[in-house]
Amino acid sequence: MNNLIIGYLASCIAALFFGSNFVPINKIQPKLGDGMFFQSFMSSGIYFIGILSLFLPEKPMFVQSGLIGGALVAIALLLVPITLEFLGLGLGALFWNGSDLITGYMVGRFGLFGTEKEEVKSEFYSISGFVLAFFALILFYFIKPITQEDQKSEERIRLLQDPKIIEEKKEKQFDEYLQEQNNTKLIKKIRLMKKKTKHLIGVILAIIVGIFTGVNLIPMMIWSGDHPNAGHFDFVFSHFTGIFLSGVLWAIACISWFVSTRILGFAVGYPIVCIGPILITSLWSIFYFREIKGKKNFLIFFSSFGLFIIAVTFLVLSKT
């Protein structure tokens, strides 16, 4: 099979799984204070896939620099629950994938941090694709999602209006309030923050998550430049070990990310993998969590979606 086809297929797989792997944590309330717990289970699932990679015919080797990239991902995972608490799945993914996209594109096009500068066949399509994707992200910002906190407030009002529903929801609501009794004073103070303050903190944390994930593949790319004949999976175990020391869906997505970035490069493969999850998580937000409602929000969403499609097309054309 043609390497480019493999690269684009890997990008699609990575986008699908990266766009879906945070759905379970987004259903849990409350998320505050769950960073270490969430990271430990995610790291265990990722490391399990890393161990399976040792049994591949290519016989992956252990590369010490892989620990650095893995550790950066582990730090980013710590911030995911509180980011989802403040922004919701759709808007949170927008900001961390957006900053991830910008970081990855800059690294590839300008050869930052010791990586090899990548050349594309069409500067016009490359720059145009990046600019369109960037403006689509800005447009996406104006969507006003309904967070789970807002949904809870609506549900409480509905419960007060219909006493019969209270009995049906009693056990679920009791468990939820029981969890809240165990919250620390710091978490209680955070919950009392103004919505605008939470939004600002959430945006900052999401950008930090994106920057950390945006540079986590740099050790792999530098190592690949020194070992051009190495297999696609040779770096997997080292990278996943770093995550474990510092989720299965995430691991599958990351393996696809490795393959996609090695074949298509930072300037093309990386932005596609960053843009894809935004679309997937947005679909989850609309049809499952119902965080995005209203004609105006849908108009902005589908306009952004169209820009993303054009941006990805331009990035593909810049390579071919």
C-alpha atoms as a PDB file:
ATOM      1  CA  MET A   1       0.000   0.000   0.000  1.00  0.00           C
ATOM      2  CA  ASN A   2       1.231   3.495  -0.838  1.00  0.00           C
ATOM      3  CA  ASN A   3       2.893   5.227   2.124  1.00  0.00           C
ATOM      4  CA  LEU A   4       0.781   8.379   1.688  1.00  0.00           C
ATOM      5  CA  ILE A   5      -2.426   6.327   1.863  1.00  0.00           C
ATOM      6  CA  ILE A   6      -1.166   4.650   5.047  1.00  0.00           C
ATOM      7  CA  GLY A   7      -0.318   8.067   6.470  1.00  0.00           C
ATOM      8  CA  TYR A   8      -3.768   9.537   5.790  1.00  0.00           C
ATOM      9  CA  LEU A   9      -5.488   6.382   7.057  1.00  0.00           C
ATOM     10  CA  ALA A  10      -3.449   6.577  10.266  1.00  0.00           C
ATOM     11  CA  SER A  11      -4.449  10.253  10.601  1.00  0.00           C
ATOM     12  CA  CYS A  12      -8.135   9.333  10.370  1.00  0.00           C
ATOM     13  CA  ILE A  13      -7.786   6.597  13.003  1.00  0.00           C
ATOM     14  CA  ALA A  14      -5.900   8.969  15.303  1.00  0.00           C
ATOM     15  CA  ALA A  15      -8.536  11.689  14.836  1.00  0.00           C
ATOM     16  CA  LEU A  16     -11.397   9.279  15.598  1.00  0.00           C
ATOM     17  CA  PHE A  17      -9.876   7.898  18.797  1.00  0.00           C
ATOM     18  CA  PHE A  18      -8.400  11.186  20.031  1.00  0.00           C
ATOM     19  CA  GLY A  19     -11.824  12.724  19.471  1.00  0.00           C
ATOM     20  CA  SER A  20     -13.586  10.032  21.510  1.00  0.00           C
ATOM     21  CA  ASN A  21     -11.207   8.996  24.296  1.00  0.00           C
ATOM     22  CA  PHE A  22     -12.309  11.740  26.722  1.00  0.00           C
ATOM     23  CA  VAL A  23     -16.036  10.967  26.389  1.00  0.00           C
ATOM     24  CA  PRO A  24     -16.108   8.702  29.513  1.00  0.00           C
ATOM     25  CA  ILE A  25     -14.457  11.307  31.788  1.00  0.00           C
ATOM     26  CA  ASN A  26     -16.805  14.011  30.489  1.00  0.00           C
ATOM     27  CA  LYS A  27     -19.777  12.002  31.808  1.00  0.00           C
ATOM     28  CA  ILE A  28     -18.400  11.951  35.368  1.00  0.00           C
ATOM     29  CA  GLN A  29     -19.392  14.603  37.903  1.00  0.00           C
ATOM     30  CA  PRO A  30     -17.609  16.146  39.721  1.00  0.00           C
ATOM     31  CA  LYS A  31     -14.286  16.200  37.852  1.00  0.00           C
ATOM     32  CA  LEU A  32     -12.395  18.570  40.149  1.00  0.00           C
ATOM     33  CA  GLY A  33      -9.660  16.795  42.096  1.00  0.00           C
ATOM     34  CA  ASP A  34      -9.697  13.743  39.796  1.00  0.00           C
ATOM     35  CA  GLY A  35      -6.530  14.599  37.842  1.00  0.00           C
ATOM     36  CA  MET A  36      -4.216  12.022  39.451  1.00  0.00           C
ATOM     37  CA  PHE A  37      -6.926   9.347  39.470  1.00  0.00           C
ATOM     38  CA  PHE A  38      -7.740   9.966  35.814  1.00  0.00           C
ATOM     39  CA  GLN A  39      -4.075  10.065  34.804  1.00  0.00           C
ATOM     40  CA  SER A  40      -3.290   6.797  36.607  1.00  0.00           C
ATOM     41  CA  PHE A  41      -5.983   4.850  34.757  1.00  0.00           C
ATOM     42  CA  MET A  42      -5.199   6.476  31.412  1.00  0.00           C
ATOM     43  CA  SER A  43      -1.506   5.723  31.865  1.00  0.00           C
ATOM     44  CA  SER A  44      -2.247   2.094  32.757  1.00  0.00           C
ATOM     45  CA  GLY A  45      -4.326   1.604  29.612  1.00  0.00           C
ATOM     46  CA  ILE A  46      -1.689   3.287  27.450  1.00  0.00           C
ATOM     47  CA  TYR A  47       1.114   1.234  28.985  1.00  0.00           C
ATOM     48  CA  PHE A  48      -0.831  -1.976  28.351  1.00  0.00           C
ATOM     49  CA  ILE A  49      -0.843  -1.216  24.614  1.00  0.00           C
ATOM     50  CA  GLY A  50       2.857  -0.336  24.868  1.00  0.00           C
ATOM     51  CA  ILE A  51       3.587  -3.790  26.284  1.00  0.00           C
ATOM     52  CA  LEU A  52       1.650  -5.406  23.434  1.00  0.00           C
ATOM     53  CA  SER A  53       3.870  -3.525  20.964  1.00  0.00           C
ATOM     54  CA  LEU A  54       6.864  -5.511  22.266  1.00  0.00           C
ATOM     55  CA  PHE A  55       5.433  -8.630  20.626  1.00  0.00           C
ATOM     56  CA  LEU A  56       5.320  -7.125  17.123  1.00  0.00           C
ATOM     57  CA  PRO A  57       7.585  -8.653  14.439  1.00  0.00           C
ATOM     58  CA  GLU A  58       9.535  -5.376  14.183  1.00  0.00           C
ATOM     59  CA  LYS A  59      10.844  -5.891  17.758  1.00  0.00           C
ATOM     60  CA  PRO A  60      10.690  -2.303  19.071  1.00  0.00           C
ATOM     61  CA  MET A  61      13.760  -0.978  20.874  1.00  0.00           C
ATOM     62  CA  PHE A  62      13.902   1.130  24.033  1.00  0.00           C
ATOM     63  CA  VAL A  63      14.856   4.769  23.384  1.00  0.00           C
ATOM     64  CA  GLN A  64      15.558   6.907  26.452  1.00  0.00           C
ATOM     65  CA  SER A  65      14.452  10.161  24.796  1.00  0.00           C
ATOM     66  CA  GLY A  66      10.979   8.651  24.467  1.00  0.00           C
ATOM     67  CA  LEU A  67      10.550   9.093  28.223  1.00  0.00           C
ATOM     68  CA  ILE A  68      10.628  12.869  27.781  1.00  0.00           C
ATOM     69  CA  GLY A  69       7.738  12.970  25.307  1.00  0.00           C
ATOM     70  CA  GLY A  70       5.740  10.539  27.426  1.00  0.00           C
ATOM     71  CA  ALA A  71       6.278  12.603  30.570  1.00  0.00           C
ATOM     72  CA  LEU A  72       4.944  15.708  28.786  1.00  0.00           C
ATOM     73  CA  VAL A  73       1.774  13.821  27.876  1.00  0.00           C
ATOM     74  CA  ALA A  74       1.384  12.629  31.470  1.00  0.00           C
ATOM     75  CA  ILE A  75       1.548  16.218  32.742  1.00  0.00           C
ATOM     76  CA  ALA A  76      -1.039  17.268  30.156  1.00  0.00           C
ATOM     77  CA  LEU A  77      -3.374  14.462  31.270  1.00  0.00           C
ATOM     78  CA  LEU A  78      -3.372  15.860  34.812  1.00  0.00           C
ATOM     79  CA  LEU A  79      -5.058  19.032  33.559  1.00  0.00           C
ATOM     80  CA  VAL A  80      -7.736  17.371  31.411  1.00  0.00           C
ATOM     81  CA  PRO A  81     -10.465  16.800  34.075  1.00  0.00           C
ATOM     82  CA  ILE A  82     -10.494  20.390  35.369  1.00  0.00           C
ATOM     83  CA  THR A  83     -10.408  21.719  31.784  1.00  0.00           C
ATOM     84  CA  LEU A  84     -13.478  19.636  30.934  1.00  0.00           C
ATOM     85  CA  GLU A  85     -15.152  20.868  34.135  1.00  0.00           C
ATOM     86  CA  PHE A  86     -14.717  24.516  33.158  1.00  0.00           C
ATOM     87  CA  LEU A  87     -15.153  24.377  29.367  1.00  0.00           C
ATOM     88  CA  GLY A  88     -16.942  21.150  28.486  1.00  0.00           C
ATOM     89  CA  LEU A  89     -15.735  18.581  25.953  1.00  0.00           C
ATOM     90  CA  GLY A  90     -16.313  20.573  22.756  1.00  0.00           C
ATOM     91  CA  LEU A  91     -14.736  23.892  23.747  1.00  0.00           C
ATOM     92  CA  GLY A  92     -11.962  22.233  25.757  1.00  0.00           C
ATOM     93  CA  ALA A  93     -10.917  20.086  22.800  1.00  0.00           C
ATOM     94  CA  LEU A  94     -11.055  23.170  20.572  1.00  0.00           C
ATOM     95  CA  PHE A  95      -8.443  25.035  22.587  1.00  0.00           C
ATOM     96  CA  TRP A  96      -6.026  22.228  23.352  1.00  0.00           C
ATOM     97  CA  ASN A  97      -6.144  20.867  19.797  1.00  0.00           C
ATOM     98  CA  GLY A  98      -5.848  24.417  18.452  1.00  0.00           C
ATOM     99  CA  SER A  99      -2.701  25.213  20.429  1.00  0.00           C
ATOM    100  CA  ASP A 100      -1.474  21.697  19.614  1.00  0.00           C
ATOM    101  CA  LEU A 101      -1.992  22.375  15.882  1.00  0.00           C
ATOM    102  CA  ILE A 102      -0.110  25.682  15.980  1.00  0.00           C
ATOM    103  CA  THR A 103       2.786  24.187  17.961  1.00  0.00           C
ATOM    104  CA  GLY A 104       3.102  21.128  15.714  1.00  0.00           C
ATOM    105  CA  TYR A 105       2.899  23.125  12.486  1.00  0.00           C
ATOM    106  CA  MET A 106       5.561  25.607  13.645  1.00  0.00           C
ATOM    107  CA  VAL A 107       7.885  22.800  14.721  1.00  0.00           C
ATOM    108  CA  GLY A 108       7.614  21.108  11.323  1.00  0.00           C
ATOM    109  CA  ARG A 109       7.790  24.149   9.067  1.00  0.00           C
ATOM    110  CA  PHE A 110      10.634  25.927  10.889  1.00  0.00           C
ATOM    111  CA  GLY A 111      12.565  22.955  12.265  1.00  0.00           C
ATOM    112  CA  LEU A 112      12.276  24.008  15.915  1.00  0.00           C
ATOM    113  CA  PHE A 113      13.927  22.207  18.866  1.00  0.00           C
ATOM    114  CA  GLY A 114      16.444  20.401  16.702  1.00  0.00           C
ATOM    115  CA  THR A 115      13.971  18.778  14.301  1.00  0.00           C
ATOM    116  CA  GLU A 116      14.605  18.754  10.554  1.00  0.00           C
ATOM    117  CA  LYS A 117      12.831  21.530   8.650  1.00  0.00           C
ATOM    118  CA  GLU A 118      10.211  20.004   6.366  1.00  0.00           C
ATOM    119  CA  GLU A 119       9.717  21.009   2.747  1.00  0.00           C
ATOM    120  CA  VAL A 120       6.333  20.981   1.033  1.00  0.00           C
ATOM    121  CA  LYS A 121       5.628  21.047  -2.692  1.00  0.00           C
ATOM    122  CA  SER A 122       3.236  23.990  -2.445  1.00  0.00           C
ATOM    123  CA  GLU A 123       3.836  26.840  -0.009  1.00  0.00           C
ATOM    124  CA  PHE A 124       0.511  28.394  -1.033  1.00  0.00           C
ATOM    125  CA  TYR A 125      -1.566  25.363  -0.055  1.00  0.00           C
ATOM    126  CA  SER A 126       0.474  24.805   3.108  1.00  0.00           C
ATOM    127  CA  ILE A 127       0.135  28.356   4.436  1.00  0.00           C
ATOM    128  CA  SER A 128      -3.463  28.735   3.221  1.00  0.00           C
ATOM    129  CA  GLY A 129      -4.481  25.475   4.900  1.00  0.00           C
ATOM    130  CA  PHE A 130      -2.906  26.520   8.183  1.00  0.00           C
ATOM    131  CA  VAL A 131      -4.445  30.017   8.092  1.00  0.00           C
ATOM    132  CA  LEU A 132      -7.920  28.643   7.298  1.00  0.00           C
ATOM    133  CA  ALA A 133      -7.654  26.133  10.130  1.00  0.00           C
ATOM    134  CA  PHE A 134      -6.565  28.897  12.496  1.00  0.00           C
ATOM    135  CA  PHE A 135      -9.502  31.138  11.540  1.00  0.00           C
ATOM    136  CA  ALA A 136     -11.863  28.189  11.887  1.00  0.00           C
ATOM    137  CA  LEU A 137     -10.620  27.767  15.455  1.00  0.00           C
ATOM    138  CA  ILE A 138     -11.231  31.456  16.179  1.00  0.00           C
ATOM    139  CA  LEU A 139     -14.743  31.168  14.722  1.00  0.00           C
ATOM    140  CA  PHE A 140     -15.355  28.121  16.882  1.00  0.00           C
ATOM    141  CA  TYR A 141     -14.647  30.222  19.982  1.00  0.00           C
ATOM    142  CA  PHE A 142     -17.938  32.086  19.539  1.00  0.00           C
ATOM    143  CA  ILE A 143     -19.962  28.924  20.080  1.00  0.00           C
ATOM    144  CA  LYS A 144     -21.541  29.091  23.544  1.00  0.00           C
ATOM    145  CA  PRO A 145     -21.698  25.512  24.825  1.00  0.00           C
ATOM    146  CA  ILE A 146     -23.981  24.357  27.620  1.00  0.00           C
ATOM    147  CA  THR A 147     -21.734  22.809  30.262  1.00  0.00           C
ATOM    148  CA  GLN A 148     -22.849  19.937  32.463  1.00  0.00           C
ATOM    149  CA  GLU A 149     -23.047  22.417  35.342  1.00  0.00           C
ATOM    150  CA  ASP A 150     -25.657  24.372  33.358  1.00  0.00           C
ATOM    151  CA  GLN A 151     -27.510  21.147  32.589  1.00  0.00           C
ATOM    152  CA  LYS A 152     -27.540  20.266  36.293  1.00  0.00           C
ATOM    153  CA  SER A 153     -29.039  23.666  37.138  1.00  0.00           C
ATOM    154  CA  GLU A 154     -31.785  23.135  34.559  1.00  0.00           C
ATOM    155  CA  GLU A 155     -32.464  19.668  35.950  1.00  0.00           C
ATOM    156  CA  ARG A 156     -32.764  20.991  39.522  1.00  0.00           C
ATOM    157  CA  ILE A 157     -35.320  23.564  38.391  1.00  0.00           C
ATOM    158  CA  ARG A 158     -37.257  20.802  36.639  1.00  0.00           C
ATOM    159  CA  LEU A 159     -37.114  18.640  39.777  1.00  0.00           C
ATOM    160  CA  LEU A 160     -38.584  21.436  41.888  1.00  0.00           C
ATOM    161  CA  GLN A 161     -41.406  21.863  39.391  1.00  0.00           C
ATOM    162  CA  ASP A 162     -42.268  18.148  39.322  1.00  0.00           C
ATOM    163  CA  PRO A 163     -41.966  16.373  42.732  1.00  0.00           C
ATOM    164  CA  LYS A 164     -42.591  12.950  41.147  1.00  0.00           C
ATOM    165  CA  ILE A 165     -39.235  13.079  39.381  1.00  0.00           C
ATOM    166  CA  ILE A 166     -37.448  13.633  42.709  1.00  0.00           C
ATOM    167  CA  GLU A 167     -38.153  10.067  43.830  1.00  0.00           C
ATOM    168  CA  GLU A 168     -36.874   8.661  40.545  1.00  0.00           C
ATOM    169  CA  LYS A 169     -33.646  10.684  40.767  1.00  0.00           C
ATOM    170  CA  LYS A 170     -33.127  10.433  44.546  1.00  0.00           C
ATOM    171  CA  GLU A 171     -30.442   7.749  44.576  1.00  0.00           C
ATOM    172  CA  LYS A 172     -28.429   9.330  41.762  1.00  0.00           C
ATOM    173  CA  GLN A 173     -28.667  12.803  43.286  1.00  0.00           C
ATOM    174  CA  PHE A 174     -27.759  11.512  46.761  1.00  0.00           C
ATOM    175  CA  ASP A 175     -24.600   9.840  45.460  1.00  0.00           C
ATOM    176  CA  GLU A 176     -23.621  13.040  43.696  1.00  0.00           C
ATOM    177  CA  TYR A 177     -24.082  15.199  46.806  1.00  0.00           C
ATOM    178  CA  LEU A 178     -22.259  12.597  48.901  1.00  0.00           C
ATOM    179  CA  GLN A 179     -19.239  13.007  46.618  1.00  0.00           C
ATOM    180  CA  GLU A 180     -19.453  16.770  46.966  1.00  0.00           C
ATOM    181  CA  GLN A 181     -19.291  16.481  50.781  1.00  0.00           C
ATOM    182  CA  ASN A 182     -15.830  14.968  50.407  1.00  0.00           C
ATOM    183  CA  ASN A 183     -14.499  17.887  48.363  1.00  0.00           C
ATOM    184  CA  THR A 184     -11.615  19.882  49.804  1.00  0.00           C
ATOM    185  CA  LYS A 185     -11.953  23.556  50.741  1.00  0.00           C
ATOM    186  CA  LEU A 186      -9.925  24.510  47.650  1.00  0.00           C
ATOM    187  CA  ILE A 187     -12.332  22.691  45.346  1.00  0.00           C
ATOM    188  CA  LYS A 188     -15.296  24.362  47.052  1.00  0.00           C
ATOM    189  CA  LYS A 189     -13.683  27.759  46.474  1.00  0.00           C
ATOM    190  CA  ILE A 190     -13.141  26.887  42.817  1.00  0.00           C
ATOM    191  CA  ARG A 191     -16.810  25.972  42.468  1.00  0.00           C
ATOM    192  CA  LEU A 192     -17.794  29.387  43.823  1.00  0.00           C
ATOM    193  CA  MET A 193     -15.758  31.215  41.170  1.00  0.00           C
ATOM    194  CA  LYS A 194     -17.558  33.359  38.613  1.00  0.00           C
ATOM    195  CA  LYS A 195     -18.330  31.685  35.309  1.00  0.00           C
ATOM    196  CA  LYS A 196     -16.085  34.103  33.375  1.00  0.00           C
ATOM    197  CA  THR A 197     -13.177  33.328  35.711  1.00  0.00           C
ATOM    198  CA  LYS A 198     -13.689  29.596  35.240  1.00  0.00           C
ATOM    199  CA  HIS A 199     -13.840  30.109  31.484  1.00  0.00           C
ATOM    200  CA  LEU A 200     -10.552  32.036  31.461  1.00  0.00           C
ATOM    201  CA  ILE A 201      -8.793  29.458  33.652  1.00  0.00           C
ATOM    202  CA  GLY A 202     -10.161  26.658  31.479  1.00  0.00           C
ATOM    203  CA  VAL A 203      -8.858  28.312  28.295  1.00  0.00           C
ATOM    204  CA  ILE A 204      -5.388  28.812  29.817  1.00  0.00           C
ATOM    205  CA  LEU A 205      -5.219  25.201  31.024  1.00  0.00           C
ATOM    206  CA  ALA A 206      -6.432  23.897  27.650  1.00  0.00           C
ATOM    207  CA  ILE A 207      -3.724  25.892  25.854  1.00  0.00           C
ATOM    208  CA  ILE A 208      -1.102  24.459  28.241  1.00  0.00           C
ATOM    209  CA  VAL A 209      -2.395  20.947  27.499  1.00  0.00           C
ATOM    210  CA  GLY A 210      -2.118  21.686  23.768  1.00  0.00           C
ATOM    211  CA  ILE A 211       1.435  23.026  24.035  1.00  0.00           C
ATOM    212  CA  PHE A 212       2.616  19.981  25.995  1.00  0.00           C
ATOM    213  CA  THR A 213       1.013  17.573  23.532  1.00  0.00           C
ATOM    214  CA  GLY A 214       2.313  19.748  20.689  1.00  0.00           C
ATOM    215  CA  VAL A 215       5.942  19.087  21.619  1.00  0.00           C
ATOM    216  CA  ASN A 216       5.640  15.501  22.868  1.00  0.00           C
ATOM    217  CA  LEU A 217       6.515  13.974  19.478  1.00  0.00           C
ATOM    218  CA  ILE A 218       9.710  16.012  19.051  1.00  0.00           C
ATOM    219  CA  PRO A 219      11.977  13.322  20.635  1.00  0.00           C
ATOM    220  CA  MET A 220      10.442  10.746  18.277  1.00  0.00           C
ATOM    221  CA  MET A 221      11.010  12.934  15.193  1.00  0.00           C
ATOM    222  CA  ILE A 222      14.626  13.704  16.147  1.00  0.00           C
ATOM    223  CA  TRP A 223      15.275  10.013  16.750  1.00  0.00           C
ATOM    224  CA  SER A 224      13.580   9.097  13.439  1.00  0.00           C
ATOM    225  CA  GLY A 225      15.904  11.500  11.619  1.00  0.00           C
ATOM    226  CA  ASP A 226      18.895   9.618  13.031  1.00  0.00           C
ATOM    227  CA  HIS A 227      17.301   6.219  12.316  1.00  0.00           C
ATOM    228  CA  PRO A 228      15.440   6.588   8.983  1.00  0.00           C
ATOM    229  CA  ASN A 229      15.195   2.821   8.472  1.00  0.00           C
ATOM    230  CA  ALA A 230      13.618   2.112  11.864  1.00  0.00           C
ATOM    231  CA  GLY A 231      10.131   0.617  12.070  1.00  0.00           C
ATOM    232  CA  HIS A 232       7.058   2.725  12.819  1.00  0.00           C
ATOM    233  CA  PHE A 233       6.553   1.026  16.201  1.00  0.00           C
ATOM    234  CA  ASP A 234      10.142   1.072  17.470  1.00  0.00           C
ATOM    235  CA  PHE A 235       9.500   4.181  19.563  1.00  0.00           C
ATOM    236  CA  VAL A 236       6.127   3.141  21.003  1.00  0.00           C
ATOM    237  CA  PHE A 237       7.232   1.283  24.151  1.00  0.00           C
ATOM    238  CA  SER A 238       9.735   3.974  25.170  1.00  0.00           C
ATOM    239  CA  HIS A 239       7.166   6.749  24.761  1.00  0.00           C
ATOM    240  CA  PHE A 240       4.424   4.882  26.613  1.00  0.00           C
ATOM    241  CA  THR A 241       6.845   4.029  29.440  1.00  0.00           C
ATOM    242  CA  GLY A 242       7.384   7.747  29.942  1.00  0.00           C
ATOM    243  CA  ILE A 243       3.634   8.244  30.244  1.00  0.00           C
ATOM    244  CA  PHE A 244       3.332   5.413  32.757  1.00  0.00           C
ATOM    245  CA  LEU A 245       6.210   6.704  34.942  1.00  0.00           C
ATOM    246  CA  SER A 246       5.422  10.341  35.073  1.00  0.00           C
ATOM    247  CA  GLY A 247      -6.477   4.252  28.093  1.00  0.00           C
ATOM    248  CA  VAL A 248      -6.444   2.025  25.330  1.00  0.00           C
ATOM    249  CA  LEU A 249      -8.224   4.423  22.909  1.00  0.00           C
ATOM    250  CA  TRP A 250      -5.506   7.026  23.471  1.00  0.00           C
ATOM    251  CA  ALA A 251      -2.774   4.449  22.857  1.00  0.00           C
ATOM    252  CA  ILE A 252      -4.268   3.313  19.534  1.00  0.00           C
ATOM    253  CA  ALA A 253      -4.634   6.943  18.476  1.00  0.00           C
ATOM    254  CA  CYS A 254      -1.040   7.716  19.465  1.00  0.00           C
ATOM    255  CA  ILE A 255       0.337   4.764  17.472  1.00  0.00           C
ATOM    256  CA  SER A 256      -1.584   6.021  14.437  1.00  0.00           C
ATOM    257  CA  TRP A 257      -0.187   9.487  15.175  1.00  0.00           C
ATOM    258  CA  PHE A 258       3.360   8.113  15.072  1.00  0.00           C
ATOM    259  CA  VAL A 259       2.761   6.486  11.685  1.00  0.00           C
ATOM    260  CA  SER A 260       0.966   9.536  10.272  1.00  0.00           C
ATOM    261  CA  THR A 261       3.610  12.039  11.420  1.00  0.00           C
ATOM    262  CA  ARG A 262       6.532   9.936  10.171  1.00  0.00           C
ATOM    263  CA  ILE A 263       4.980   9.517   6.720  1.00  0.00           C
ATOM    264  CA  LEU A 264       3.282  12.901   6.225  1.00  0.00           C
ATOM    265  CA  GLY A 265       5.512  15.020   8.480  1.00  0.00           C
ATOM    266  CA  PHE A 266       4.748  17.654  11.111  1.00  0.00           C
ATOM    267  CA  ALA A 267       3.548  20.240   8.581  1.00  0.00           C
ATOM    268  CA  VAL A 268       0.796  18.022   7.083  1.00  0.00           C
ATOM    269  CA  GLY A 269       0.098  14.949   9.224  1.00  0.00           C
ATOM    270  CA  TYR A 270       0.210  16.799  12.520  1.00  0.00           C
ATOM    271  CA  PRO A 271      -2.428  19.476  11.685  1.00  0.00           C
ATOM    272  CA  ILE A 272      -4.775  16.827  10.277  1.00  0.00           C
ATOM    273  CA  VAL A 273      -4.591  14.820  13.507  1.00  0.00           C
ATOM    274  CA  CYS A 274      -5.191  18.023  15.508  1.00  0.00           C
ATOM    275  CA  ILE A 275      -8.155  19.165  13.416  1.00  0.00           C
ATOM    276  CA  GLY A 276      -9.852  15.760  13.223  1.00  0.00           C
ATOM    277  CA  PRO A 277     -10.480  15.339  16.973  1.00  0.00           C
ATOM    278  CA  ILE A 278     -12.089  18.790  17.119  1.00  0.00           C
ATOM    279  CA  LEU A 279     -14.705  17.653  14.620  1.00  0.00           C
ATOM    280  CA  ILE A 280     -15.226  14.316  16.404  1.00  0.00           C
ATOM    281  CA  THR A 281     -15.578  15.880  19.863  1.00  0.00           C
ATOM    282  CA  SER A 282     -17.934  18.501  18.439  1.00  0.00           C
ATOM    283  CA  LEU A 283     -20.180  15.737  17.138  1.00  0.00           C
ATOM    284  CA  TRP A 284     -20.120  14.138  20.599  1.00  0.00           C
ATOM    285  CA  SER A 285     -21.003  17.537  22.113  1.00  0.00           C
ATOM    286  CA  ILE A 286     -23.930  18.090  19.741  1.00  0.00           C
ATOM    287  CA  PHE A 287     -25.545  14.661  19.512  1.00  0.00           C
ATOM    288  CA  TYR A 288     -24.599  12.985  22.803  1.00  0.00           C
ATOM    289  CA  PHE A 289     -23.908  15.577  25.514  1.00  0.00           C
ATOM    290  CA  ARG A 290     -26.048  18.234  23.791  1.00  0.00           C
ATOM    291  CA  GLU A 291     -23.627  20.973  24.849  1.00  0.00           C
ATOM    292  CA  ILE A 292     -24.171  22.887  21.590  1.00  0.00           C
ATOM    293  CA  LYS A 293     -27.696  24.145  20.910  1.00  0.00           C
ATOM    294  CA  GLY A 294     -29.389  26.979  19.039  1.00  0.00           C
ATOM    295  CA  LYS A 295     -29.421  28.152  15.411  1.00  0.00           C
ATOM    296  CA  LYS A 296     -26.567  30.633  15.903  1.00  0.00           C
ATOM    297  CA  ASN A 297     -24.288  28.015  17.448  1.00  0.00           C
ATOM    298  CA  PHE A 298     -25.086  25.513  14.706  1.00  0.00           C
ATOM    299  CA  LEU A 299     -24.442  28.137  12.011  1.00  0.00           C
ATOM    300  CA  ILE A 300     -21.032  28.923  13.517  1.00  0.00           C
ATOM    301  CA  PHE A 301     -20.247  25.228  13.944  1.00  0.00           C
ATOM    302  CA  PHE A 302     -21.025  24.229  10.358  1.00  0.00           C
ATOM    303  CA  SER A 303     -19.168  27.291   9.030  1.00  0.00           C
ATOM    304  CA  SER A 304     -16.127  26.233  11.050  1.00  0.00           C
ATOM    305  CA  PHE A 305     -16.603  22.660   9.876  1.00  0.00           C
ATOM    306  CA  GLY A 306     -16.526  23.820   6.248  1.00  0.00           C
ATOM    307  CA  LEU A 307     -13.339  25.828   6.822  1.00  0.00           C
ATOM    308  CA  PHE A 308     -11.741  22.789   8.442  1.00  0.00           C
ATOM    309  CA  ILE A 309     -12.554  20.619   5.428  1.00  0.00           C
ATOM    310  CA  ILE A 310     -11.002  23.189   3.071  1.00  0.00           C
ATOM    311  CA  ALA A 311      -7.979  23.557   5.373  1.00  0.00           C
ATOM    312  CA  VAL A 312      -7.338  19.803   5.464  1.00  0.00           C
ATOM    313  CA  THR A 313      -7.733  19.617   1.672  1.00  0.00           C
ATOM    314  CA  PHE A 314      -5.142  22.379   1.221  1.00  0.00           C
ATOM    315  CA  LEU A 315      -2.708  20.675   3.602  1.00  0.00           C
ATOM    316  CA  VAL A 316      -3.062  17.421   1.659  1.00  0.00           C
ATOM    317  CA  LEU A 317      -2.501  19.240  -1.654  1.00  0.00           C
ATOM    318  CA  SER A 318       0.609  20.952  -0.252  1.00  0.00           C
ATOM    319  CA  LYS A 319       2.236  17.540   0.158  1.00  0.00           C
ATOM    320  CA  THR A 320       1.082  15.958  -3.082  1.00  0.00           C
END
